Protein backbone atom coordinates (compact mmCIF):
# COMPACT_ATOMS: atom_id res chain seq x y z
CA MET A 1 108.76 -25.63 -24.92
CA SER A 2 108.11 -24.55 -28.78
CA TYR A 3 107.38 -26.84 -31.15
CA ARG A 4 110.86 -28.27 -32.87
CA PRO A 5 109.51 -31.09 -35.77
CA VAL A 6 111.85 -34.20 -36.88
CA ARG A 7 112.84 -34.42 -40.03
CA PRO A 8 114.70 -37.44 -41.22
CA THR A 9 116.14 -37.32 -44.00
CA PHE A 10 118.60 -39.75 -45.84
CA ASP A 11 120.78 -40.23 -48.44
CA VAL A 12 121.67 -43.59 -49.19
CA PRO A 13 119.03 -46.20 -49.00
CA THR A 14 117.91 -46.94 -45.47
CA LEU A 15 115.82 -49.35 -43.59
CA ILE A 16 112.98 -48.36 -41.11
CA ARG A 17 111.98 -50.61 -38.81
CA ARG A 18 108.21 -49.70 -37.46
CA GLU A 19 109.91 -49.56 -33.53
CA GLN A 20 112.70 -47.23 -34.45
CA VAL A 21 110.35 -44.26 -36.62
CA ALA A 22 111.18 -40.54 -34.61
CA LEU A 23 107.79 -39.65 -33.07
CA GLN A 24 106.33 -35.84 -31.87
CA LEU A 25 103.12 -34.87 -30.50
CA TRP A 26 101.85 -32.46 -32.74
CA GLY A 27 99.33 -29.45 -32.15
CA ASP A 28 98.35 -27.47 -29.10
CA ASP A 29 95.15 -26.48 -26.81
CA GLU A 30 93.95 -25.11 -29.58
CA SER A 31 94.96 -27.50 -32.92
CA GLY A 32 93.83 -30.64 -30.14
CA GLU A 33 96.89 -32.85 -30.53
CA VAL A 34 98.25 -35.64 -32.73
CA ALA A 35 100.73 -38.30 -32.44
CA ASP A 36 102.62 -38.60 -35.01
CA ALA A 37 105.67 -41.60 -36.51
CA ILE A 38 107.17 -40.19 -38.80
CA TYR A 39 109.77 -42.21 -41.30
CA VAL A 40 110.95 -39.88 -44.18
CA SER A 41 110.17 -35.97 -44.11
CA ASN A 42 112.10 -34.26 -46.46
CA GLU A 43 112.12 -31.48 -49.72
CA LYS A 44 110.52 -34.11 -52.21
CA ILE A 45 108.08 -37.09 -49.41
CA HIS A 46 106.52 -36.68 -46.58
CA LEU A 47 105.28 -39.81 -44.91
CA MET A 48 104.06 -40.72 -41.02
CA VAL A 49 100.95 -42.51 -39.07
CA PHE A 50 99.41 -40.97 -36.39
CA THR A 51 97.00 -41.73 -34.39
CA MET A 52 93.89 -40.12 -32.50
CA PRO A 53 92.39 -41.46 -29.50
CA PRO A 54 88.34 -42.42 -29.70
CA GLY A 55 86.42 -38.03 -30.02
CA GLY A 56 89.36 -37.61 -30.63
CA GLY A 57 90.62 -35.14 -33.94
CA PHE A 58 92.51 -32.06 -34.77
CA THR A 59 91.76 -28.42 -35.87
CA HIS A 60 94.29 -25.78 -36.53
CA SER A 61 95.40 -22.64 -34.43
CA SER A 62 97.47 -19.49 -35.42
CA ASP A 63 101.19 -22.03 -34.59
CA PHE A 64 99.52 -25.46 -36.14
CA ARG A 65 98.01 -23.84 -39.45
CA THR A 66 97.12 -26.64 -42.14
CA VAL A 67 96.61 -25.64 -45.40
CA PHE A 68 100.14 -26.74 -47.50
CA ASP A 69 101.09 -25.81 -50.84
CA ALA A 70 100.96 -29.80 -51.27
CA ASP A 71 99.98 -33.08 -52.46
CA GLU A 72 97.83 -35.05 -49.49
CA LEU A 73 96.89 -38.91 -49.64
CA TYR A 74 95.04 -39.96 -45.95
CA TYR A 75 95.68 -43.38 -45.95
CA VAL A 76 92.48 -44.90 -43.14
CA LEU A 77 94.58 -48.41 -41.32
CA GLY A 78 91.94 -48.77 -39.20
CA GLY A 79 89.39 -47.07 -37.23
CA GLU A 80 87.21 -44.55 -38.97
CA LEU A 81 88.13 -41.20 -40.55
CA VAL A 82 86.45 -37.87 -40.48
CA MET A 83 87.76 -35.44 -42.73
CA SER A 84 86.68 -31.47 -43.72
CA ASN A 85 87.31 -28.43 -44.81
CA PRO A 86 86.24 -26.03 -42.39
CA GLU A 87 86.77 -22.91 -45.71
CA THR A 88 83.93 -24.58 -47.22
CA GLY A 89 81.90 -26.50 -44.90
CA GLU A 90 82.43 -29.82 -47.19
CA VAL A 91 82.57 -33.06 -44.77
CA HIS A 92 84.18 -36.63 -45.50
CA VAL A 93 83.84 -39.84 -43.76
CA ALA A 94 86.57 -42.61 -45.17
CA SER A 95 86.91 -46.01 -42.97
CA THR A 96 89.51 -48.46 -43.41
CA GLY A 97 91.20 -49.37 -46.29
CA GLU A 98 89.68 -46.27 -47.52
CA ALA A 99 91.56 -43.18 -48.03
CA VAL A 100 90.79 -38.88 -48.29
CA PHE A 101 92.99 -37.24 -51.60
CA PHE A 102 92.91 -33.40 -51.59
CA ARG A 103 95.14 -31.20 -53.85
CA ALA A 104 97.17 -27.76 -52.59
CA ASP A 105 95.15 -24.61 -50.84
CA THR A 106 93.07 -27.24 -48.95
CA TRP A 107 92.05 -26.37 -44.96
CA HIS A 108 92.21 -29.61 -42.94
CA HIS A 109 90.18 -31.15 -39.99
CA GLY A 110 90.07 -34.40 -39.34
CA PHE A 111 88.63 -36.63 -36.47
CA THR A 112 87.39 -39.88 -35.01
CA ARG A 113 83.81 -42.19 -35.35
CA GLY A 114 82.94 -44.51 -33.39
CA GLU A 115 84.63 -45.75 -30.20
CA GLU A 116 88.31 -46.84 -32.29
CA PRO A 117 91.50 -44.84 -32.59
CA ALA A 118 91.89 -43.56 -36.03
CA ARG A 119 95.46 -44.79 -37.32
CA ILE A 120 96.05 -42.71 -40.19
CA LEU A 121 98.94 -43.34 -42.66
CA GLU A 122 99.93 -40.00 -44.32
CA PHE A 123 101.41 -38.51 -47.33
CA ILE A 124 102.51 -35.51 -48.39
CA ALA A 125 104.61 -34.27 -51.63
CA PRO A 126 106.75 -32.05 -51.84
CA GLY A 127 107.47 -32.44 -48.19
CA PRO A 128 108.08 -30.09 -45.70
CA LEU A 129 111.87 -29.56 -45.98
CA SER A 130 110.85 -27.78 -49.53
CA GLY A 131 108.96 -24.91 -47.75
CA ASN A 132 105.43 -26.15 -48.91
CA THR A 133 103.34 -27.09 -45.89
CA GLN A 134 104.56 -24.51 -42.41
CA ALA A 135 106.53 -21.91 -43.72
CA TYR A 136 103.77 -22.04 -46.75
CA ALA A 137 100.88 -22.10 -44.48
CA ARG A 138 102.27 -18.75 -41.88
CA THR A 139 101.75 -16.95 -45.79
CA LYS A 140 98.53 -17.64 -45.95
CA PRO A 141 95.50 -15.43 -44.08
CA LEU A 142 94.85 -17.61 -40.93
CA LEU A 143 91.05 -18.85 -41.38
CA THR A 144 88.68 -18.07 -39.12
CA GLU A 145 85.36 -18.67 -39.58
CA HIS A 146 84.65 -22.70 -38.90
CA LYS A 147 82.19 -23.95 -41.69
CA THR A 148 81.37 -27.15 -40.13
CA ALA A 149 78.16 -28.00 -42.44
CA PRO A 150 77.96 -27.53 -47.07
CA GLU A 151 75.07 -25.27 -46.37
CA GLN A 152 74.33 -25.07 -50.41
CA TRP A 153 73.32 -27.80 -50.62
CA LEU A 154 70.17 -28.27 -48.85
CA GLY A 155 66.96 -28.71 -50.88
CA ARG A 156 69.33 -29.82 -53.77
CA TRP A 157 70.18 -33.18 -52.83
CA PRO A 158 70.85 -35.85 -54.11
CA THR A 159 69.78 -34.12 -57.15
CA ASP A 160 72.31 -32.06 -57.51
CA ARG A 161 75.09 -34.62 -56.11
CA GLU A 162 77.34 -34.49 -59.68
CA THR A 163 77.84 -30.66 -59.21
CA ALA A 164 78.53 -30.89 -55.41
CA ARG A 165 81.14 -33.95 -56.15
CA ALA A 166 82.59 -31.85 -58.86
CA ALA A 167 83.28 -28.63 -56.69
CA ALA A 168 84.64 -30.34 -54.14
CA THR A 169 87.92 -29.96 -52.33
CA MET A 170 88.52 -33.51 -51.31
CA GLU A 171 87.19 -36.86 -52.78
CA VAL A 172 87.78 -40.41 -50.55
CA VAL A 173 89.72 -42.94 -52.30
CA GLY A 174 88.36 -46.66 -52.39
CA GLU A 175 89.12 -49.48 -53.79
CA ARG A 176 86.84 -49.01 -56.42
CA ASP A 177 88.15 -46.08 -57.97
CA VAL A 178 91.95 -47.53 -57.80
CA LEU A 179 94.01 -46.62 -61.68
CA TRP A 180 95.47 -51.00 -61.24
CA ARG A 181 98.28 -51.46 -63.53
CA LEU A 182 100.49 -55.21 -64.66
CA GLU A 183 104.20 -54.04 -64.23
CA GLY A 184 106.56 -56.36 -65.77
CA ASN A 185 108.12 -59.61 -66.17
CA GLU A 186 105.70 -61.44 -63.81
CA ARG A 187 102.74 -58.74 -63.95
CA VAL A 188 103.41 -57.92 -60.44
CA LEU A 189 100.27 -56.15 -59.44
CA VAL A 190 100.18 -52.22 -59.06
CA GLY A 191 97.23 -50.68 -57.41
CA ILE A 192 97.58 -46.30 -58.54
CA ARG A 193 95.59 -44.43 -55.31
CA VAL A 194 97.02 -41.24 -56.76
CA SER A 195 98.85 -39.62 -59.48
CA THR A 196 99.29 -35.96 -60.54
CA GLU A 197 102.27 -33.30 -61.92
CA ARG A 198 103.86 -34.03 -57.63
CA VAL A 199 103.51 -37.39 -56.84
CA THR A 200 102.71 -40.33 -57.51
CA ILE A 201 100.98 -43.01 -54.77
CA GLY A 202 99.96 -46.46 -54.95
CA THR A 203 100.21 -50.32 -53.43
CA ILE A 204 102.24 -52.77 -54.43
CA HIS A 205 100.45 -56.41 -54.45
CA LEU A 206 103.36 -59.66 -54.00
CA ARG A 207 102.38 -63.07 -54.76
CA PRO A 208 103.93 -64.92 -52.77
CA GLY A 209 107.74 -65.89 -54.47
CA GLN A 210 106.98 -63.65 -57.40
CA ARG A 211 108.71 -60.22 -57.27
CA SER A 212 109.18 -56.79 -59.75
CA ASP A 213 111.52 -55.88 -62.23
CA ILE A 214 114.36 -53.86 -61.70
CA GLN A 215 113.34 -50.08 -62.29
CA THR A 216 114.59 -46.94 -60.97
CA HIS A 217 111.91 -43.70 -60.45
CA PRO A 218 112.54 -40.04 -61.54
CA GLY A 219 112.11 -39.03 -58.26
CA ASP A 220 112.57 -40.37 -54.02
CA GLU A 221 110.80 -43.31 -52.75
CA CYS A 222 109.65 -44.59 -49.28
CA VAL A 223 107.35 -48.11 -49.00
CA PHE A 224 106.05 -49.02 -46.24
CA MET A 225 104.39 -52.77 -45.51
CA LEU A 226 100.93 -52.75 -45.25
CA GLU A 227 100.52 -56.92 -45.12
CA GLY A 228 102.70 -59.58 -45.24
CA GLU A 229 106.72 -59.07 -45.29
CA ALA A 230 108.43 -58.50 -48.13
CA GLY A 231 112.47 -58.13 -49.71
CA ILE A 232 113.80 -55.00 -51.37
CA ARG A 233 116.97 -55.44 -53.35
CA MET A 234 119.33 -52.86 -54.44
CA PRO A 235 122.21 -54.58 -57.48
CA GLU A 236 123.88 -51.94 -57.44
CA SER A 237 124.78 -51.33 -54.17
CA ASP A 238 128.45 -50.66 -52.65
CA GLY A 239 126.89 -51.66 -48.77
CA GLN A 240 123.34 -53.71 -47.67
CA SER A 241 121.54 -54.56 -51.41
CA TRP A 242 118.92 -56.69 -49.76
CA PHE A 243 116.32 -55.41 -47.07
CA GLU A 244 113.74 -57.95 -45.33
CA LEU A 245 110.68 -55.64 -44.60
CA ARG A 246 107.69 -56.38 -42.02
CA PRO A 247 104.60 -54.94 -41.21
CA GLU A 248 105.07 -51.16 -41.12
CA ASP A 249 108.27 -50.91 -41.06
CA GLY A 250 109.20 -48.89 -44.25
CA MET A 251 112.12 -48.03 -46.51
CA TYR A 252 113.49 -45.22 -48.24
CA ILE A 253 114.66 -45.00 -51.62
CA PRO A 254 116.63 -41.97 -53.60
CA GLU A 255 115.72 -40.84 -56.96
CA ASP A 256 116.97 -43.34 -59.43
CA VAL A 257 118.69 -45.70 -56.86
CA PRO A 258 117.99 -49.83 -59.23
CA HIS A 259 115.80 -51.62 -56.98
CA ARG A 260 113.29 -54.46 -56.90
CA TYR A 261 110.98 -55.96 -55.00
CA GLN A 262 110.67 -59.76 -53.82
CA SER A 263 107.75 -62.38 -51.51
CA PHE A 264 110.11 -64.24 -50.02
CA SER A 265 107.43 -65.49 -48.08
CA GLY A 266 104.64 -67.82 -48.41
CA ARG A 267 102.36 -65.82 -48.10
CA PRO A 268 100.96 -62.78 -50.83
CA ALA A 269 102.16 -59.71 -49.43
CA THR A 270 101.37 -55.56 -49.74
CA LEU A 271 103.73 -52.71 -49.82
CA PHE A 272 101.68 -48.54 -49.83
CA PHE A 273 104.58 -46.60 -51.61
CA ILE A 274 104.90 -42.78 -52.46
CA VAL A 275 106.86 -41.39 -55.40
CA ALA A 276 108.46 -38.17 -55.87
CA PRO A 277 107.36 -35.88 -58.34
CA SER A 278 107.41 -38.55 -61.43
CA TYR A 279 107.08 -42.05 -61.54
CA VAL A 280 107.50 -43.11 -64.51
CA PRO A 281 109.70 -46.17 -63.40
CA THR A 282 112.33 -47.35 -65.83
CA MET A 283 112.37 -50.81 -66.03
């Protein structure tokens, strides 16, 4: 049976309940298989959660290649993630709450570490319908030699650690690497994990009862409810204008659509977001 990728796309603001997320199995016997739960996958953005069992992981094959013309962030929701670039041999480890970021033309493999499954929140921009993922990968020579260790740094570690970091194609992003912002009249805390010319990915932290200013972005947005509960209001919507998100629900917001985030419970709330191509909020 041929592989037909699932590409959920929407034209209007859309609430995506966790139990309604599109599911598919990615990979084959050679690459390994991972279970995908896809929230949005259009020309601009791709957001999904994938799961790897203990001892599991993915590499690549002729049919399932892992080198894209896109910026990508893998955020670890649970377990531990080992990421490698089989072209260079570099290896990185990310624990729960950390992420691995890499840019275009980076071959990537991923594996679990430890006895727990790894659950990964994956962001890609531009999205697959731009032709920048698998369609692009098929234009690249197939990588047949898989390097699993950065041999060039043996005998030079940790003396040349900064040189190695400067040459790395992947970067682990932890809490101390976040670019923090206070946005709007109520000073909503926003943490930027990644911001490039193609995409901005970060978190919105709401205190109980706090709300953001009404804002728009010159890019499509998808949010993922990480912790707590929050509402999103669309003040100019001709249809439904208020949406309530529970943990692991998602929300798609098209470019230039005014919206506001609001905590309506007695607990703090944290949402992840991806906006592409440009984030710069207009309030």
